[in-house]
Every structure is written in C-alpha cells, then in structure tokens.
Amino acid sequence: MDKKEIQTNNPLHGITLETILNRLIQKYGWKELGERIPIQCFINDPSIKSSLKFLRRTPWARKKVEELYLKSNFPT
C-alpha cells in the first residue's frame, strides 16, 4: 500500500486542522467541546490560535479532535 492509497482512504484527507476545529466550535461551542474533550486549551480562555498550537504539538489530543469530527457527521 503506497502513501497515495492511504490518503485516498483517509476521510480527513484535504481537511485542515483549523477547518476541523472551526466546524466543531460552530456545532458545539467551546463549553461543550471542553466537556467532550477535556483539555485546557478548550476550557481555560479558549482561542483558535492557542488550540491549534496545542493540537499540532500533541498527537493524542489531535486524535481525539479528529475522532469527534468524524463522529459528528460533517459533510466531506
């Protein structure tokens, strides 16, 4: 399986982390997002910039955000 084939099967291919985060915030708001994924960047003085910085450096948190996005049935 080559890299191109893996990306073709990736439902998040072509969707930026910023887009994912913005859509989740629009759907749930910061408060509910912080309840669903209890990390400080969603709970304590949340912002897109600080959240993106944290998520890009923290693979386990990014994975949780991506999983919630997929479960939320946004159009691809």
C-alpha atoms as a PDB file:
ATOM      1  CA  MET A   1       0.000   0.000   0.000  1.00  0.00           C
ATOM      2  CA  ASP A   2       1.619   3.273  -1.052  1.00  0.00           C
ATOM      3  CA  LYS A   3       1.186   6.664   0.561  1.00  0.00           C
ATOM      4  CA  LYS A   4      -1.282   7.864  -2.101  1.00  0.00           C
ATOM      5  CA  GLU A   5      -3.562   4.884  -1.468  1.00  0.00           C
ATOM      6  CA  ILE A   6      -3.505   5.506   2.293  1.00  0.00           C
ATOM      7  CA  GLN A   7      -4.505   9.171   1.784  1.00  0.00           C
ATOM      8  CA  THR A   8      -7.325   8.197  -0.583  1.00  0.00           C
ATOM      9  CA  ASN A   9      -8.834   6.087   2.196  1.00  0.00           C
ATOM     10  CA  ASN A  10      -8.355   8.806   4.816  1.00  0.00           C
ATOM     11  CA  PRO A  11     -11.706  10.562   5.419  1.00  0.00           C
ATOM     12  CA  LEU A  12      -9.839  13.632   6.732  1.00  0.00           C
ATOM     13  CA  HIS A  13      -7.606  13.998   3.675  1.00  0.00           C
ATOM     14  CA  GLY A  14      -7.713  17.580   2.424  1.00  0.00           C
ATOM     15  CA  ILE A  15      -9.404  18.969   5.552  1.00  0.00           C
ATOM     16  CA  THR A  16      -7.170  21.223   7.620  1.00  0.00           C
ATOM     17  CA  LEU A  17      -6.994  21.030  11.393  1.00  0.00           C
ATOM     18  CA  GLU A  18      -8.211  24.630  11.500  1.00  0.00           C
ATOM     19  CA  THR A  19     -11.308  23.712   9.467  1.00  0.00           C
ATOM     20  CA  ILE A  20     -11.998  20.747  11.748  1.00  0.00           C
ATOM     21  CA  LEU A  21     -11.678  22.919  14.850  1.00  0.00           C
ATOM     22  CA  ASN A  22     -13.854  25.718  13.430  1.00  0.00           C
ATOM     23  CA  ARG A  23     -16.623  23.294  12.475  1.00  0.00           C
ATOM     24  CA  LEU A  24     -16.562  21.661  15.913  1.00  0.00           C
ATOM     25  CA  ILE A  25     -16.754  25.059  17.613  1.00  0.00           C
ATOM     26  CA  GLN A  26     -19.677  26.090  15.391  1.00  0.00           C
ATOM     27  CA  LYS A  27     -21.524  22.876  16.213  1.00  0.00           C
ATOM     28  CA  TYR A  28     -20.726  22.506  19.925  1.00  0.00           C
ATOM     29  CA  GLY A  29     -19.249  25.790  21.162  1.00  0.00           C
ATOM     30  CA  TRP A  30     -16.169  25.983  23.388  1.00  0.00           C
ATOM     31  CA  LYS A  31     -18.013  24.898  26.556  1.00  0.00           C
ATOM     32  CA  GLU A  32     -19.385  21.643  25.169  1.00  0.00           C
ATOM     33  CA  LEU A  33     -16.192  20.968  23.236  1.00  0.00           C
ATOM     34  CA  GLY A  34     -14.278  21.260  26.527  1.00  0.00           C
ATOM     35  CA  GLU A  35     -16.723  18.837  28.147  1.00  0.00           C
ATOM     36  CA  ARG A  36     -16.386  16.317  25.321  1.00  0.00           C
ATOM     37  CA  ILE A  37     -12.589  16.663  25.119  1.00  0.00           C
ATOM     38  CA  PRO A  38     -11.395  17.962  28.500  1.00  0.00           C
ATOM     39  CA  ILE A  39      -8.163  19.750  27.610  1.00  0.00           C
ATOM     40  CA  GLN A  40      -7.160  23.144  28.969  1.00  0.00           C
ATOM     41  CA  CYS A  41      -6.983  24.907  25.598  1.00  0.00           C
ATOM     42  CA  PHE A  42     -10.753  24.292  25.219  1.00  0.00           C
ATOM     43  CA  ILE A  43     -11.663  25.097  28.826  1.00  0.00           C
ATOM     44  CA  ASN A  44      -9.453  27.933  30.065  1.00  0.00           C
ATOM     45  CA  ASP A  45      -9.605  31.106  27.908  1.00  0.00           C
ATOM     46  CA  PRO A  46     -10.002  29.187  24.612  1.00  0.00           C
ATOM     47  CA  SER A  47      -8.907  30.548  21.254  1.00  0.00           C
ATOM     48  CA  ILE A  48      -8.388  29.081  17.804  1.00  0.00           C
ATOM     49  CA  LYS A  49      -4.713  30.095  17.786  1.00  0.00           C
ATOM     50  CA  SER A  50      -3.791  28.535  21.141  1.00  0.00           C
ATOM     51  CA  SER A  51      -5.827  25.407  20.427  1.00  0.00           C
ATOM     52  CA  LEU A  52      -4.203  24.859  17.033  1.00  0.00           C
ATOM     53  CA  LYS A  53      -0.743  25.329  18.558  1.00  0.00           C
ATOM     54  CA  PHE A  54      -1.503  22.748  21.260  1.00  0.00           C
ATOM     55  CA  LEU A  55      -3.163  20.244  18.899  1.00  0.00           C
ATOM     56  CA  ARG A  56      -0.293  20.399  16.395  1.00  0.00           C
ATOM     57  CA  ARG A  57       2.184  19.541  19.165  1.00  0.00           C
ATOM     58  CA  THR A  58       0.049  16.927  20.958  1.00  0.00           C
ATOM     59  CA  PRO A  59      -0.836  13.873  18.845  1.00  0.00           C
ATOM     60  CA  TRP A  60      -3.191  12.246  21.393  1.00  0.00           C
ATOM     61  CA  ALA A  61      -5.288  15.428  21.657  1.00  0.00           C
ATOM     62  CA  ARG A  62      -5.383  15.900  17.891  1.00  0.00           C
ATOM     63  CA  LYS A  63      -6.547  12.301  17.521  1.00  0.00           C
ATOM     64  CA  LYS A  64      -9.440  12.940  19.939  1.00  0.00           C
ATOM     65  CA  VAL A  65     -10.461  16.064  17.986  1.00  0.00           C
ATOM     66  CA  GLU A  66     -10.312  14.188  14.674  1.00  0.00           C
ATOM     67  CA  GLU A  67     -12.347  11.296  16.121  1.00  0.00           C
ATOM     68  CA  LEU A  68     -15.032  13.670  17.405  1.00  0.00           C
ATOM     69  CA  TYR A  69     -15.114  15.368  13.999  1.00  0.00           C
ATOM     70  CA  LEU A  70     -15.677  12.036  12.250  1.00  0.00           C
ATOM     71  CA  LYS A  71     -18.389  11.014  14.742  1.00  0.00           C
ATOM     72  CA  SER A  72     -20.137  14.376  14.223  1.00  0.00           C
ATOM     73  CA  ASN A  73     -21.052  13.504  10.623  1.00  0.00           C
ATOM     74  CA  PHE A  74     -19.867  16.674   8.899  1.00  0.00           C
ATOM     75  CA  PRO A  75     -20.067  16.593   5.093  1.00  0.00           C
ATOM     76  CA  THR A  76     -16.749  15.809   3.429  1.00  0.00           C
END
